[in-house]
């Protein structure tokens, strides 16, 4: 008799125990999401223990265990910024899925889990979640989410954040009301009647209709988010403009506003499937499948506004694939490249909900040093503005390798320490090389040379890109595709799936 095939789904703890754990978290007083609150939670429960402490969080064991026994269920708290005592998310892993495992079994266990957890409190089903088995428990101070991807299912808990300095105090409430509506709506399109009903339920709010747009007027006259239709019949909307900049905003202002909106959106939807952005601005994406099609909800920003929009994933991804596949330099070898037209310069998927596209485009290769300089400038500008919001505390690094660069030319962007470049000395007479490298902007650093930009500004990306390409030219590298390669391209810890499409090599 043949052995039964092993299960492709592993439960972290049994279903009845899982329901009770979620019930406990649902009823928990989360406080101010600080380390003293975590210590209070542990002190109030005999079975809870702090198991591990990291710079970016703590791990709570939720069941007693003896030495050498399995760990059992654990609650992971992750900080807003490493080494600070405020937390932005807590996760409880529930199911693990074997890669390439039985798809029907995965769906069946997800369904069983979702149906059991629906008895806890009064959750809202999330039809666009993986296989339609997501749940959301929303309250004034925290949101619980049942989420999954092709590797696992988990419960995520997020604090509902307060307004920041540069946005209206009404905006987080608007986001809490309408972001789930766009996220959950079939086809990513919400109806005017639903919008009007939500607005009517909040004192001081109205929905003002004019042609293919609806303004949400709140108690704060300065806060008037606008729902817009894009190719939809009147009264159907797939875009919500949340904030408009009054004048050309500085780097810090753009980052502060987007950061406040981003945290408010994560407070009701959870973290995105894809972090990322490009020359036009940040582009965080929630990519999840409904019953009929995969759709994207994108939180985007440029120098004019910050907005949420939905679109069919296949439509967006095919257009982006074509941009990467068929774009390139214009106007001959000396013409401008199309790095400024790329839909994104970087994307990072780190254990978020949803899955990646089945077909991913390659990056853009620079054909000349001027093209490489353009690509680097746009990528570094995107990282300096976007990483502190989407990947707080994480470091971005890469190294350019070539036979003419002994030890490579390394780049590191640390959000606390700024940008640091390191490179070995150029070949040749040291008495001639040293003054030339100093004149270009390098400083001696042991046996190597360094360049530091401790407080990055809007000009830093251009300065760094110019220094890198000037150094390559000084070593005789004129064709970036002739032996120049990128190595150790990393954001944060060495897990997740990173694509740096705008690096140029």
Protein backbone atom coordinates (compact mmCIF):
# COMPACT_ATOMS: atom_id res chain seq x y z
CA UNK A 1 0.00 0.00 0.00
CA UNK A 2 1.41 3.37 -0.97
CA UNK A 3 2.09 5.98 1.70
CA UNK A 4 -0.36 8.93 1.81
CA UNK A 5 1.12 12.06 0.30
CA UNK A 6 2.28 14.59 2.91
CA UNK A 7 0.13 17.64 3.51
CA UNK A 8 1.21 20.85 1.76
CA UNK A 9 -0.35 22.97 4.53
CA UNK A 10 1.11 23.24 8.04
CA UNK A 11 -0.85 24.78 10.91
CA UNK A 12 1.22 26.70 13.47
CA UNK A 13 -1.35 25.58 16.08
CA UNK A 14 -4.68 23.77 15.82
CA UNK A 15 -7.82 25.46 14.50
CA UNK A 16 -9.64 25.79 17.87
CA UNK A 17 -6.50 27.25 19.48
CA UNK A 18 -6.04 29.58 16.51
CA UNK A 19 -9.57 30.93 16.90
CA UNK A 20 -8.99 31.58 20.60
CA UNK A 21 -5.70 33.36 19.92
CA UNK A 22 -7.36 35.63 17.35
CA UNK A 23 -10.21 36.24 19.76
CA UNK A 24 -7.70 37.29 22.41
CA UNK A 25 -5.98 39.69 20.00
CA UNK A 26 -9.35 41.03 18.86
CA UNK A 27 -10.31 41.90 22.46
CA UNK A 28 -6.85 43.11 23.49
CA UNK A 29 -6.09 46.62 24.72
CA UNK A 30 -3.19 47.55 22.44
CA UNK A 31 -2.49 50.86 24.17
CA UNK A 32 -0.13 53.25 22.43
CA UNK A 33 1.81 50.50 20.62
CA UNK A 34 4.93 51.08 22.71
CA UNK A 35 7.33 48.77 24.51
CA UNK A 36 5.64 49.45 27.90
CA UNK A 37 2.36 48.27 26.34
CA UNK A 38 3.99 45.02 25.24
CA UNK A 39 5.42 44.52 28.73
CA UNK A 40 1.91 45.10 30.17
CA UNK A 41 0.39 42.51 27.84
CA UNK A 42 2.95 39.93 28.96
CA UNK A 43 2.48 40.76 32.65
CA UNK A 44 -1.29 40.25 32.35
CA UNK A 45 -1.00 36.75 30.84
CA UNK A 46 0.84 33.94 32.54
CA UNK A 47 1.42 32.01 29.29
CA UNK A 48 2.93 34.93 27.37
CA UNK A 49 6.68 35.47 27.41
CA UNK A 50 9.07 37.75 25.54
CA UNK A 51 11.10 35.21 23.58
CA UNK A 52 13.44 37.34 21.49
CA UNK A 53 14.42 41.02 21.25
CA UNK A 54 15.78 42.56 18.05
CA UNK A 55 16.72 46.14 17.12
CA UNK A 56 13.57 46.34 14.99
CA UNK A 57 11.11 44.49 17.20
CA UNK A 58 10.22 41.88 19.81
CA UNK A 59 8.73 38.39 19.62
CA UNK A 60 6.15 37.17 22.14
CA UNK A 61 5.59 33.48 22.78
CA UNK A 62 1.86 32.91 23.34
CA UNK A 63 1.96 29.40 24.79
CA UNK A 64 4.14 27.83 27.49
CA UNK A 65 6.89 25.52 26.25
CA UNK A 66 9.55 23.32 27.70
CA UNK A 67 13.17 23.31 26.58
CA UNK A 68 13.58 21.76 23.08
CA UNK A 69 9.80 21.81 22.43
CA UNK A 70 8.50 23.55 19.26
CA UNK A 71 8.10 27.29 19.66
CA UNK A 72 4.33 27.35 19.17
CA UNK A 73 2.45 30.51 18.14
CA UNK A 74 4.45 33.73 18.31
CA UNK A 75 3.43 37.36 17.92
CA UNK A 76 5.98 39.52 16.09
CA UNK A 77 6.02 43.27 16.82
CA UNK A 78 7.96 45.42 14.32
CA UNK A 79 9.08 48.95 15.14
CA UNK A 80 8.36 52.11 13.18
CA UNK A 81 12.10 52.84 13.16
CA UNK A 82 14.77 50.39 14.42
CA UNK A 83 15.87 50.90 18.04
CA UNK A 84 12.78 52.97 18.86
CA UNK A 85 10.06 51.70 21.20
CA UNK A 86 7.03 52.36 18.95
CA UNK A 87 5.53 49.59 16.83
CA UNK A 88 3.78 49.74 13.47
CA UNK A 89 2.59 46.15 13.00
CA UNK A 90 2.13 42.88 14.84
CA UNK A 91 1.94 39.55 12.99
CA UNK A 92 0.77 36.10 14.05
CA UNK A 93 1.68 33.40 11.51
CA UNK A 94 -1.17 30.88 11.13
CA UNK A 95 -0.54 28.59 8.15
CA UNK A 96 2.52 27.65 6.06
CA UNK A 97 2.15 26.48 2.46
CA UNK A 98 4.65 24.16 0.79
CA UNK A 99 5.96 25.69 -2.47
CA UNK A 100 4.40 23.89 -5.40
CA UNK A 101 1.99 22.11 -3.05
CA UNK A 102 -1.59 21.03 -3.64
CA UNK A 103 -3.52 24.15 -4.65
CA UNK A 104 -6.91 22.67 -3.78
CA UNK A 105 -5.70 21.78 -0.30
CA UNK A 106 -4.33 25.30 0.19
CA UNK A 107 -7.66 26.85 -0.80
CA UNK A 108 -9.64 24.40 1.33
CA UNK A 109 -7.58 25.16 4.46
CA UNK A 110 -7.74 28.90 3.84
CA UNK A 111 -11.52 28.63 3.52
CA UNK A 112 -11.76 26.59 6.73
CA UNK A 113 -9.62 29.14 8.57
CA UNK A 114 -11.59 32.11 7.25
CA UNK A 115 -14.96 30.58 8.08
CA UNK A 116 -13.84 29.77 11.63
CA UNK A 117 -12.42 33.25 12.25
CA UNK A 118 -15.60 34.88 10.92
CA UNK A 119 -17.14 33.94 14.28
CA UNK A 120 -14.74 36.29 16.08
CA UNK A 121 -16.27 39.74 16.42
CA UNK A 122 -17.86 41.20 13.30
CA UNK A 123 -15.28 41.09 10.49
CA UNK A 124 -15.80 42.42 6.98
CA UNK A 125 -15.04 39.88 4.22
CA UNK A 126 -12.36 41.05 1.80
CA UNK A 127 -13.31 39.53 -1.57
CA UNK A 128 -10.16 40.76 -3.30
CA UNK A 129 -7.89 38.96 -0.81
CA UNK A 130 -6.06 35.79 -1.86
CA UNK A 131 -8.76 33.40 -3.13
CA UNK A 132 -11.40 35.63 -1.51
CA UNK A 133 -10.74 34.40 2.03
CA UNK A 134 -9.54 37.62 3.67
CA UNK A 135 -11.17 39.29 6.69
CA UNK A 136 -10.91 42.75 8.23
CA UNK A 137 -11.80 43.77 11.79
CA UNK A 138 -11.76 47.58 11.88
CA UNK A 139 -12.05 49.77 14.98
CA UNK A 140 -11.17 53.31 15.98
CA UNK A 141 -7.68 52.42 17.21
CA UNK A 142 -6.56 49.28 15.40
CA UNK A 143 -7.29 47.02 12.41
CA UNK A 144 -6.93 43.24 12.34
CA UNK A 145 -6.50 41.54 8.97
CA UNK A 146 -6.52 37.91 7.90
CA UNK A 147 -4.08 37.91 4.98
CA UNK A 148 -2.22 35.39 2.87
CA UNK A 149 0.05 34.87 -0.10
CA UNK A 150 1.40 31.75 -1.82
CA UNK A 151 3.70 30.98 1.13
CA UNK A 152 1.63 31.50 4.28
CA UNK A 153 -1.43 32.96 5.97
CA UNK A 154 -1.27 35.26 8.97
CA UNK A 155 -3.11 37.72 11.15
CA UNK A 156 -1.77 41.28 10.85
CA UNK A 157 -2.61 43.97 13.39
CA UNK A 158 -2.04 47.66 12.62
CA UNK A 159 -2.54 50.78 14.72
CA UNK A 160 -4.82 53.40 13.19
CA UNK A 161 -2.44 56.34 13.08
CA UNK A 162 -3.20 59.99 13.80
CA UNK A 163 -2.71 62.89 11.41
CA UNK A 164 0.74 64.36 10.86
CA UNK A 165 1.78 67.98 10.75
CA UNK A 166 1.27 68.56 7.04
CA UNK A 167 -2.14 66.95 6.43
CA UNK A 168 -5.63 67.72 7.64
CA UNK A 169 -6.68 65.97 10.86
CA UNK A 170 -9.78 64.83 8.93
CA UNK A 171 -7.77 62.93 6.30
CA UNK A 172 -7.09 59.71 8.26
CA UNK A 173 -10.85 59.36 8.83
CA UNK A 174 -11.49 59.81 5.11
CA UNK A 175 -8.87 57.16 4.36
CA UNK A 176 -10.40 54.76 6.91
CA UNK A 177 -13.81 55.22 5.26
CA UNK A 178 -12.93 55.07 1.57
CA UNK A 179 -9.66 53.13 1.15
CA UNK A 180 -11.39 49.82 2.04
CA UNK A 181 -14.20 50.72 -0.36
CA UNK A 182 -11.78 51.00 -3.30
CA UNK A 183 -9.77 48.00 -2.13
CA UNK A 184 -12.79 45.70 -1.79
CA UNK A 185 -14.96 46.92 -4.66
CA UNK A 186 -15.57 44.38 -7.45
CA UNK A 187 -13.40 45.38 -10.35
CA UNK A 188 -11.86 48.14 -8.23
CA UNK A 189 -14.72 50.53 -9.01
CA UNK A 190 -16.96 52.03 -6.31
CA UNK A 191 -20.45 53.43 -6.88
CA UNK A 192 -21.57 56.98 -6.11
CA UNK A 193 -24.55 55.77 -4.04
CA UNK A 194 -22.20 53.93 -1.69
CA UNK A 195 -19.92 56.96 -1.45
CA UNK A 196 -22.85 59.25 -0.67
CA UNK A 197 -24.18 56.87 1.97
CA UNK A 198 -20.82 56.73 3.75
CA UNK A 199 -20.47 60.53 3.66
CA UNK A 200 -24.01 60.99 5.00
CA UNK A 201 -23.23 58.80 8.02
CA UNK A 202 -20.43 61.10 9.26
CA UNK A 203 -21.44 64.42 10.86
CA UNK A 204 -20.04 67.34 8.89
CA UNK A 205 -19.38 65.31 5.71
CA UNK A 206 -21.13 65.67 2.35
CA UNK A 207 -20.64 64.23 -1.13
CA UNK A 208 -20.75 67.00 -3.74
CA UNK A 209 -21.33 65.60 -7.25
CA UNK A 210 -20.16 67.41 -10.40
CA UNK A 211 -20.08 65.41 -13.65
CA UNK A 212 -17.49 62.59 -13.41
CA UNK A 213 -16.21 63.52 -9.96
CA UNK A 214 -17.40 63.66 -6.37
CA UNK A 215 -15.85 65.87 -3.73
CA UNK A 216 -15.96 64.63 -0.15
CA UNK A 217 -16.41 67.76 1.94
CA UNK A 218 -15.43 67.33 5.56
CA UNK A 219 -15.56 69.43 8.73
CA UNK A 220 -12.19 70.88 7.71
CA UNK A 221 -12.65 73.13 4.64
CA UNK A 222 -9.02 72.49 3.69
CA UNK A 223 -9.69 68.74 3.40
CA UNK A 224 -11.66 67.95 0.23
CA UNK A 225 -10.63 64.58 -1.20
CA UNK A 226 -11.96 63.95 -4.70
CA UNK A 227 -13.21 60.71 -6.23
CA UNK A 228 -12.62 60.54 -9.96
CA UNK A 229 -13.70 58.20 -12.73
CA UNK A 230 -11.23 57.13 -15.42
CA UNK A 231 -13.04 55.85 -18.48
CA UNK A 232 -15.96 54.76 -16.30
CA UNK A 233 -19.64 55.75 -16.59
CA UNK A 234 -20.62 58.73 -14.48
CA UNK A 235 -20.96 57.93 -10.80
CA UNK A 236 -18.39 55.12 -10.81
CA UNK A 237 -14.93 55.84 -9.45
CA UNK A 238 -11.53 54.18 -9.41
CA UNK A 239 -9.37 57.06 -8.16
CA UNK A 240 -9.37 58.94 -4.85
CA UNK A 241 -7.21 62.10 -4.68
CA UNK A 242 -6.34 62.47 -1.00
CA UNK A 243 -4.06 65.51 -0.86
CA UNK A 244 -3.01 68.31 -3.19
CA UNK A 245 0.18 70.30 -2.74
CA UNK A 246 -0.43 74.04 -2.79
CA UNK A 247 2.99 74.84 -4.27
CA UNK A 248 6.17 73.07 -5.31
CA UNK A 249 6.85 70.93 -2.21
CA UNK A 250 10.33 70.25 -0.84
CA UNK A 251 11.71 66.74 -0.51
CA UNK A 252 10.99 66.73 3.23
CA UNK A 253 7.43 68.02 2.74
CA UNK A 254 6.60 65.42 0.07
CA UNK A 255 8.04 62.66 2.24
CA UNK A 256 6.16 63.80 5.36
CA UNK A 257 2.82 64.02 3.55
CA UNK A 258 3.17 60.72 1.73
CA UNK A 259 4.39 59.08 4.93
CA UNK A 260 1.31 60.20 6.87
CA UNK A 261 -1.04 59.04 4.11
CA UNK A 262 0.86 55.76 3.66
CA UNK A 263 0.67 54.93 7.38
CA UNK A 264 -3.05 55.75 7.44
CA UNK A 265 -3.71 53.49 4.44
CA UNK A 266 -1.66 50.67 6.00
CA UNK A 267 -3.65 51.21 9.18
CA UNK A 268 -6.80 49.94 7.43
CA UNK A 269 -5.50 47.77 4.56
CA UNK A 270 -2.28 46.35 5.98
CA UNK A 271 1.11 46.60 4.32
CA UNK A 272 1.32 46.49 0.51
CA UNK A 273 2.29 43.59 -1.69
CA UNK A 274 4.96 45.69 -3.39
CA UNK A 275 6.94 48.60 -2.06
CA UNK A 276 8.44 50.74 -4.78
CA UNK A 277 8.46 53.82 -6.91
CA UNK A 278 10.26 55.62 -9.67
CA UNK A 279 10.98 58.94 -11.33
CA UNK A 280 7.44 60.26 -10.88
CA UNK A 281 7.18 59.35 -7.21
CA UNK A 282 6.33 56.48 -4.85
CA UNK A 283 4.11 53.63 -6.03
CA UNK A 284 3.08 51.17 -3.30
CA UNK A 285 0.85 48.36 -4.60
CA UNK A 286 -1.70 46.01 -3.08
CA UNK A 287 -1.93 43.19 -5.64
CA UNK A 288 -4.64 40.65 -4.91
CA UNK A 289 -6.94 38.31 -6.78
CA UNK A 290 -10.69 38.42 -6.62
CA UNK A 291 -13.01 35.77 -7.97
CA UNK A 292 -12.56 36.77 -11.61
CA UNK A 293 -9.35 38.78 -12.01
CA UNK A 294 -6.28 40.17 -10.26
CA UNK A 295 -6.42 43.88 -9.56
CA UNK A 296 -4.02 46.51 -8.27
CA UNK A 297 -4.69 49.18 -5.70
CA UNK A 298 -1.87 51.71 -5.95
CA UNK A 299 -0.95 54.51 -3.55
CA UNK A 300 0.93 57.05 -5.63
CA UNK A 301 2.27 60.57 -5.38
CA UNK A 302 3.97 63.17 -7.53
CA UNK A 303 4.77 66.86 -6.97
CA UNK A 304 1.11 67.80 -7.34
CA UNK A 305 -0.91 65.30 -5.31
CA UNK A 306 -1.22 62.00 -3.44
CA UNK A 307 -3.87 59.52 -4.58
CA UNK A 308 -5.20 55.96 -4.50
CA UNK A 309 -6.25 54.26 -7.72
CA UNK A 310 -7.33 50.83 -8.87
CA UNK A 311 -6.76 49.07 -12.18
CA UNK A 312 -6.77 45.54 -13.60
CA UNK A 313 -3.35 44.07 -12.81
CA UNK A 314 -2.96 42.45 -16.24
CA UNK A 315 -3.62 45.72 -18.05
CA UNK A 316 -1.09 47.70 -15.99
CA UNK A 317 1.58 44.99 -16.00
CA UNK A 318 1.35 44.38 -19.75
CA UNK A 319 1.77 48.09 -20.44
CA UNK A 320 4.75 48.25 -18.09
CA UNK A 321 6.27 45.15 -19.65
CA UNK A 322 6.06 46.84 -23.05
CA UNK A 323 7.74 50.00 -21.73
CA UNK A 324 10.71 48.00 -20.50
CA UNK A 325 10.84 45.70 -23.52
CA UNK A 326 10.57 48.31 -26.26
CA UNK A 327 11.95 51.51 -24.73
CA UNK A 328 15.53 52.72 -24.70
CA UNK A 329 17.63 55.69 -25.75
CA UNK A 330 16.10 58.25 -28.08
CA UNK A 331 17.79 60.38 -30.68
CA UNK A 332 20.74 58.04 -31.28
CA UNK A 333 23.60 57.11 -28.98
CA UNK A 334 23.96 60.66 -27.68
CA UNK A 335 20.23 61.20 -27.12
CA UNK A 336 18.49 61.10 -23.79
CA UNK A 337 17.61 57.70 -22.38
CA UNK A 338 14.12 56.80 -21.22
CA UNK A 339 15.00 56.23 -17.55
CA UNK A 340 12.72 59.16 -16.74
CA UNK A 341 9.82 57.32 -18.41
CA UNK A 342 10.19 54.03 -16.53
CA UNK A 343 7.06 53.11 -14.55
CA UNK A 344 9.22 52.19 -11.56
CA UNK A 345 12.92 52.20 -10.66
CA UNK A 346 12.66 49.70 -7.80
CA UNK A 347 10.21 47.20 -6.35
CA UNK A 348 10.47 45.13 -3.17
CA UNK A 349 8.19 42.28 -2.09
CA UNK A 350 8.74 41.25 1.54
CA UNK A 351 6.21 38.72 2.87
CA UNK A 352 3.28 40.97 2.02
CA UNK A 353 -0.20 39.83 0.97
CA UNK A 354 -0.86 38.87 -2.61
CA UNK A 355 1.54 37.53 -5.21
CA UNK A 356 3.94 38.77 -7.87
CA UNK A 357 3.06 38.97 -11.55
CA UNK A 358 3.64 35.81 -13.58
CA UNK A 359 5.84 37.69 -16.05
CA UNK A 360 8.26 40.38 -14.89
CA UNK A 361 10.11 42.78 -17.21
CA UNK A 362 13.83 43.18 -17.10
CA UNK A 363 15.57 46.39 -16.15
CA UNK A 364 16.82 49.19 -18.34
CA UNK A 365 20.48 48.95 -19.39
CA UNK A 366 22.42 52.17 -19.93
CA UNK A 367 24.15 52.42 -23.30
CA UNK A 368 26.49 55.29 -22.42
CA UNK A 369 27.89 56.94 -19.32
CA UNK A 370 25.49 59.89 -19.69
CA UNK A 371 22.61 57.41 -19.77
CA UNK A 372 24.00 55.66 -16.70
CA UNK A 373 24.26 58.98 -14.93
CA UNK A 374 20.59 59.71 -15.70
CA UNK A 375 19.50 56.30 -14.44
CA UNK A 376 21.53 56.51 -11.25
CA UNK A 377 20.32 60.01 -10.46
CA UNK A 378 16.66 59.02 -10.82
CA UNK A 379 17.09 55.80 -8.83
CA UNK A 380 18.98 57.46 -5.98
CA UNK A 381 16.50 60.34 -5.83
CA UNK A 382 13.69 57.79 -5.56
CA UNK A 383 15.44 55.89 -2.76
CA UNK A 384 16.26 59.04 -0.77
CA UNK A 385 12.62 60.15 -0.89
CA UNK A 386 10.78 56.83 -0.76
CA UNK A 387 12.72 54.37 1.41
CA UNK A 388 12.30 56.26 4.73
CA UNK A 389 8.52 55.96 4.36
CA UNK A 390 8.07 52.49 2.86
CA UNK A 391 11.09 50.72 4.37
CA UNK A 392 11.94 52.74 7.49
CA UNK A 393 15.41 52.16 8.84
CA UNK A 394 16.51 49.85 6.01
CA UNK A 395 19.76 50.38 4.13
CA UNK A 396 20.09 50.25 0.32
CA UNK A 397 23.40 49.00 -1.08
CA UNK A 398 25.02 47.93 -4.33
CA UNK A 399 28.50 47.55 -5.75
CA UNK A 400 29.72 48.26 -9.29
CA UNK A 401 32.31 45.71 -10.40
CA UNK A 402 34.70 45.83 -13.34
CA UNK A 403 38.22 44.59 -14.01
CA UNK A 404 39.37 48.22 -13.90
CA UNK A 405 37.96 48.82 -10.38
CA UNK A 406 39.96 46.91 -7.80
CA UNK A 407 37.55 45.87 -5.05
CA UNK A 408 34.61 47.52 -6.80
CA UNK A 409 32.85 50.84 -6.21
CA UNK A 410 30.35 50.46 -3.37
CA UNK A 411 27.25 52.54 -2.64
CA UNK A 412 25.29 52.58 0.62
CA UNK A 413 22.31 54.73 1.59
CA UNK A 414 21.74 54.54 5.34
CA UNK A 415 18.70 56.53 6.44
CA UNK A 416 20.48 57.65 9.62
CA UNK A 417 23.97 58.22 8.24
CA UNK A 418 23.34 59.33 4.65
CA UNK A 419 25.09 58.18 1.46
CA UNK A 420 28.55 56.62 1.53
CA UNK A 421 30.66 55.70 -1.50
CA UNK A 422 33.90 53.71 -1.32
CA UNK A 423 36.37 52.80 -4.03
CA UNK A 424 39.98 51.69 -4.38
CA UNK A 425 42.70 53.95 -5.68
CA UNK A 426 43.00 54.47 -9.43
CA UNK A 427 45.91 52.75 -11.13
CA UNK A 428 48.93 54.90 -11.82
CA UNK A 429 51.43 57.08 -9.99
CA UNK A 430 50.03 57.73 -6.46
CA UNK A 431 51.45 61.26 -6.47
CA UNK A 432 49.35 62.06 -9.53
CA UNK A 433 46.32 59.92 -8.64
CA UNK A 434 45.73 61.31 -5.14
CA UNK A 435 45.31 64.99 -6.15
CA UNK A 436 43.04 64.00 -9.06
CA UNK A 437 40.76 61.90 -6.87
CA UNK A 438 40.68 64.59 -4.17
CA UNK A 439 39.72 67.19 -6.78
CA UNK A 440 36.85 64.98 -7.96
CA UNK A 441 35.42 64.80 -4.43
CA UNK A 442 37.02 61.72 -2.81
CA UNK A 443 38.67 61.58 0.62
CA UNK A 444 41.35 59.10 1.75
CA UNK A 445 39.98 56.28 3.92
CA UNK A 446 42.69 53.79 4.88
CA UNK A 447 43.75 51.99 1.71
CA UNK A 448 40.63 53.14 -0.12
CA UNK A 449 38.78 56.36 -0.85
CA UNK A 450 35.36 57.51 0.33
CA UNK A 451 32.78 60.19 -0.37
CA UNK A 452 30.12 61.00 2.23
CA UNK A 453 26.81 62.85 1.92
CA UNK A 454 25.62 62.79 5.52
CA UNK A 455 22.40 64.76 5.08
CA UNK A 456 20.93 63.97 1.64
CA UNK A 457 19.03 66.79 -0.05
CA UNK A 458 17.23 67.13 -3.37
CA UNK A 459 20.61 67.71 -5.04
CA UNK A 460 22.40 64.72 -3.51
CA UNK A 461 21.26 62.17 -6.10
CA UNK A 462 22.67 64.26 -8.95
CA UNK A 463 25.95 64.81 -7.09
CA UNK A 464 26.39 61.11 -6.32
CA UNK A 465 25.52 60.01 -9.86
CA UNK A 466 28.00 62.54 -11.29
CA UNK A 467 30.78 61.38 -8.93
CA UNK A 468 30.22 57.70 -9.81
CA UNK A 469 30.22 58.22 -13.57
CA UNK A 470 33.18 60.61 -13.42
CA UNK A 471 35.12 57.94 -11.55
CA UNK A 472 34.18 55.29 -14.11
CA UNK A 473 35.33 57.55 -16.94
CA UNK A 474 38.62 58.27 -15.15
CA UNK A 475 39.29 54.52 -15.16
CA UNK A 476 38.61 54.21 -18.87
CA UNK A 477 35.06 52.82 -18.63
CA UNK A 478 33.01 54.43 -21.38
CA UNK A 479 30.56 51.64 -22.23
CA UNK A 480 28.52 50.48 -19.20
CA UNK A 481 27.68 47.24 -21.02
CA UNK A 482 31.34 46.31 -21.51
CA UNK A 483 32.14 44.39 -18.34
CA UNK A 484 30.45 46.67 -15.77
CA UNK A 485 28.14 44.70 -13.47
CA UNK A 486 26.13 45.32 -10.31
CA UNK A 487 26.58 43.08 -7.29
CA UNK A 488 25.13 42.82 -3.78
CA UNK A 489 22.05 44.88 -4.65
CA UNK A 490 20.13 44.76 -1.38
CA UNK A 491 17.54 46.72 0.58
CA UNK A 492 17.47 45.85 4.26
CA UNK A 493 17.81 42.20 5.25
CA UNK A 494 18.67 39.66 2.60
CA UNK A 495 15.13 38.28 2.23
CA UNK A 496 12.22 39.19 0.03
CA UNK A 497 12.28 39.78 -3.70
CA UNK A 498 14.01 42.97 -4.89
CA UNK A 499 14.05 44.34 -8.41
CA UNK A 500 16.08 47.46 -9.19
CA UNK A 501 15.00 48.13 -12.75
CA UNK A 502 16.52 51.61 -12.92
CA UNK A 503 20.09 50.84 -11.89
CA UNK A 504 21.34 50.87 -15.49
CA UNK A 505 23.75 47.89 -15.32
